[in-house]
Amino acid sequence: MKNVILYCTLAAAALLCWLEMSKVAELQSKNNRLSVEMAHARIPLQRDTIHDSIEVVTQVVVEVAPKSLKDALAEDEQIIKELRLKVKQLEAMQTTTIENSDTTPAHHDADNSLFYYSDQWADLQLSLKDSTFYYNIRDSLSTMVYREYRHHFLWWKWGTKGYRLKIVNFNPHARVTYNKYIKAGK
């Protein structure tokens, strides 16, 4: 009788462990699917400025499991193939879209056939003589990925809550309109 109770208890414990493990696996697959969906979603950018004209953009880093990385990078698969890389080689991938616009007074030469503008970020020339328009626009971005700590006590910080990304745009004429950063997780 004692052996039957022992075997029933062990069987019930094994069944509970199996059910719990299946719930964990289901939650992990749901988490991976949501991470991939989040990677494809347009996450709003938080904007700030420093030094009166330098734009700083902050965004949450999407972290996906290595198994889900292929799904997250589906739209970039052709570029990855052309670069002769494999998805499993990638640690992270970032896509940034910038838009340039500005209105400035143009200078012109004596015979009014050449209009031009030049500063640190742009060179523009319009020649009416031969109907050509020359432009050269330069941008400078600095991207920093940093860890947000989960716990703080006095000056000690430990645990990882997540990662955030800061993009510093040095061109005052440009504006970051879209950014996607995908990191291969553990």
Protein backbone atom coordinates (compact mmCIF):
# COMPACT_ATOMS: atom_id res chain seq x y z
CA MET A 1 0.00 0.00 0.00
CA LYS A 2 2.86 2.38 0.85
CA ASN A 3 4.48 1.65 -2.54
CA VAL A 4 1.24 2.47 -4.39
CA ILE A 5 0.95 5.82 -2.60
CA LEU A 6 4.62 6.54 -3.32
CA TYR A 7 4.24 5.67 -7.02
CA CYS A 8 1.07 7.74 -7.32
CA THR A 9 2.79 10.70 -5.66
CA LEU A 10 5.80 10.39 -7.98
CA ALA A 11 3.52 10.09 -11.02
CA ALA A 12 1.55 13.17 -9.95
CA ALA A 13 4.78 15.14 -9.36
CA ALA A 14 6.11 14.08 -12.77
CA LEU A 15 2.82 15.09 -14.41
CA LEU A 16 2.91 18.50 -12.71
CA CYS A 17 6.53 19.03 -13.77
CA TRP A 18 5.68 18.08 -17.36
CA LEU A 19 2.69 20.47 -17.41
CA GLU A 20 4.80 23.28 -15.96
CA MET A 21 7.57 22.70 -18.52
CA SER A 22 5.04 22.77 -21.38
CA LYS A 23 3.65 26.08 -20.05
CA VAL A 24 7.19 27.53 -19.92
CA ALA A 25 7.88 26.37 -23.49
CA GLU A 26 4.60 27.90 -24.66
CA LEU A 27 5.41 31.20 -22.93
CA GLN A 28 8.89 31.25 -24.47
CA SER A 29 7.51 30.69 -27.98
CA LYS A 30 4.90 33.41 -27.40
CA ASN A 31 7.65 35.75 -26.13
CA ASN A 32 9.77 35.05 -29.23
CA ARG A 33 6.78 35.65 -31.53
CA LEU A 34 6.01 38.95 -29.78
CA SER A 35 9.68 39.99 -30.03
CA VAL A 36 9.63 39.37 -33.78
CA GLU A 37 6.37 41.30 -34.14
CA MET A 38 7.87 44.14 -32.10
CA ALA A 39 10.94 44.14 -34.34
CA HIS A 40 8.72 44.73 -37.37
CA ALA A 41 6.56 47.35 -35.66
CA ARG A 42 7.42 51.01 -35.85
CA ILE A 43 8.42 51.83 -32.30
CA PRO A 44 8.03 55.56 -31.59
CA LEU A 45 11.22 57.54 -31.12
CA GLN A 46 11.79 59.80 -28.12
CA ARG A 47 13.43 63.06 -29.19
CA ASP A 48 15.66 65.47 -27.30
CA THR A 49 18.23 68.12 -28.22
CA ILE A 50 21.60 69.01 -26.79
CA HIS A 51 23.80 72.02 -27.58
CA ASP A 52 20.70 73.79 -29.07
CA SER A 53 20.85 71.97 -32.42
CA ILE A 54 22.07 68.39 -31.98
CA GLU A 55 19.18 65.93 -32.06
CA VAL A 56 19.23 62.90 -29.74
CA VAL A 57 16.82 60.02 -30.38
CA THR A 58 16.17 57.29 -27.77
CA GLN A 59 14.57 53.95 -28.53
CA VAL A 60 14.07 50.57 -26.86
CA VAL A 61 16.29 47.79 -28.24
CA VAL A 62 14.35 44.76 -29.45
CA GLU A 63 16.03 41.57 -28.27
CA VAL A 64 15.00 38.34 -30.01
CA ALA A 65 16.10 34.75 -29.47
CA PRO A 66 18.66 33.52 -32.03
CA LYS A 67 16.07 31.04 -33.37
CA SER A 68 13.68 33.94 -34.08
CA LEU A 69 16.34 36.21 -35.58
CA LYS A 70 15.72 34.83 -39.07
CA ASP A 71 12.03 35.81 -38.84
CA ALA A 72 12.92 39.26 -37.48
CA LEU A 73 15.31 39.89 -40.38
CA ALA A 74 13.02 38.52 -43.11
CA GLU A 75 12.76 41.85 -44.94
CA ASP A 76 16.56 42.25 -44.87
CA GLU A 77 17.27 38.68 -46.01
CA GLN A 78 18.21 39.71 -49.58
CA ILE A 79 20.79 42.25 -48.35
CA ILE A 80 22.27 39.69 -45.95
CA LYS A 81 22.61 37.17 -48.81
CA GLU A 82 24.25 39.76 -51.08
CA LEU A 83 26.81 40.48 -48.35
CA ARG A 84 27.59 36.72 -48.23
CA LEU A 85 26.61 36.46 -44.57
CA LYS A 86 24.48 33.98 -42.65
CA VAL A 87 21.82 35.13 -40.21
CA LYS A 88 23.43 33.08 -37.44
CA GLN A 89 26.60 35.19 -37.84
CA LEU A 90 24.77 38.41 -36.98
CA GLU A 91 24.85 39.77 -33.45
CA ALA A 92 22.71 42.85 -34.17
CA MET A 93 21.34 44.78 -37.12
CA GLN A 94 20.32 48.41 -37.32
CA THR A 95 18.38 50.34 -39.97
CA THR A 96 18.11 54.12 -39.71
CA THR A 97 16.22 56.48 -42.01
CA ILE A 98 17.11 60.17 -42.09
CA GLU A 99 15.34 63.01 -43.79
CA ASN A 100 17.15 66.25 -44.80
CA SER A 101 15.37 69.54 -45.33
CA ASP A 102 16.17 73.19 -44.88
CA THR A 103 15.46 76.57 -46.45
CA THR A 104 18.43 78.88 -46.90
CA PRO A 105 19.21 81.99 -48.92
CA ALA A 106 21.15 81.21 -52.10
CA HIS A 107 24.16 83.18 -53.28
CA HIS A 108 24.70 83.86 -56.97
CA ASP A 109 27.50 84.95 -59.23
CA ALA A 110 27.69 88.16 -61.25
CA ASP A 111 25.92 86.93 -64.39
CA ASN A 112 23.10 85.21 -62.36
CA SER A 113 23.59 81.85 -64.06
CA LEU A 114 25.00 80.03 -61.00
CA PHE A 115 23.25 79.82 -57.65
CA TYR A 116 25.03 78.12 -54.76
CA TYR A 117 24.83 77.41 -51.06
CA SER A 118 27.46 75.78 -48.88
CA ASP A 119 27.88 75.03 -45.19
CA GLN A 120 29.41 72.29 -43.05
CA TRP A 121 26.64 69.81 -43.95
CA ALA A 122 25.57 70.64 -47.51
CA ASP A 123 26.85 71.92 -50.85
CA LEU A 124 24.23 72.94 -53.42
CA GLN A 125 24.78 74.47 -56.88
CA LEU A 126 22.26 75.27 -59.58
CA SER A 127 23.64 76.24 -62.97
CA LEU A 128 21.14 77.81 -65.33
CA LYS A 129 23.71 77.86 -68.12
CA ASP A 130 23.88 74.09 -68.57
CA SER A 131 20.75 73.16 -66.52
CA THR A 132 22.57 71.13 -63.89
CA PHE A 133 21.96 70.82 -60.20
CA TYR A 134 24.77 69.57 -57.98
CA TYR A 135 24.26 68.62 -54.36
CA ASN A 136 26.32 66.95 -51.65
CA ILE A 137 24.77 66.34 -48.25
CA ARG A 138 26.77 64.97 -45.32
CA ASP A 139 25.42 63.44 -42.13
CA SER A 140 27.03 62.29 -38.95
CA LEU A 141 25.33 59.85 -36.59
CA SER A 142 26.62 58.32 -33.40
CA THR A 143 24.78 55.27 -32.03
CA MET A 144 25.14 54.03 -28.46
CA VAL A 145 23.53 50.91 -27.03
CA TYR A 146 23.39 50.85 -23.26
CA ARG A 147 22.06 48.55 -20.58
CA GLU A 148 19.29 49.52 -18.19
CA TYR A 149 19.82 47.99 -14.79
CA ARG A 150 16.98 46.19 -13.04
CA HIS A 151 18.09 46.90 -9.46
CA HIS A 152 19.73 49.88 -7.74
CA PHE A 153 20.95 50.13 -4.19
CA LEU A 154 23.12 53.09 -3.25
CA TRP A 155 25.84 52.99 -5.92
CA TRP A 156 25.46 49.29 -6.79
CA LYS A 157 23.57 48.33 -9.90
CA TRP A 158 22.86 44.76 -10.99
CA GLY A 159 20.58 42.75 -13.22
CA THR A 160 19.49 43.73 -16.70
CA LYS A 161 16.04 45.17 -17.30
CA GLY A 162 16.69 45.70 -20.99
CA TYR A 163 18.69 47.72 -23.48
CA ARG A 164 18.14 51.17 -24.94
CA LEU A 165 19.62 52.86 -27.94
CA LYS A 166 20.60 56.51 -28.29
CA ILE A 167 21.28 58.04 -31.69
CA VAL A 168 22.98 61.41 -31.79
CA ASN A 169 22.39 63.27 -35.06
CA PHE A 170 24.92 66.08 -35.50
CA ASN A 171 23.41 67.53 -38.69
CA PRO A 172 20.94 70.32 -37.76
CA HIS A 173 19.23 70.04 -41.18
CA ALA A 174 18.53 66.31 -40.80
CA ARG A 175 15.94 64.47 -38.76
CA VAL A 176 15.89 60.77 -37.85
CA THR A 177 12.50 59.48 -39.02
CA TYR A 178 12.86 55.73 -38.46
CA ASN A 179 15.17 53.37 -36.63
CA LYS A 180 15.15 49.61 -36.15
CA TYR A 181 17.76 47.81 -34.07
CA ILE A 182 17.51 44.06 -33.56
CA LYS A 183 19.88 42.25 -31.19
CA ALA A 184 20.39 38.51 -30.97
CA GLY A 185 19.56 37.49 -27.41
CA LYS A 186 20.73 34.56 -25.34
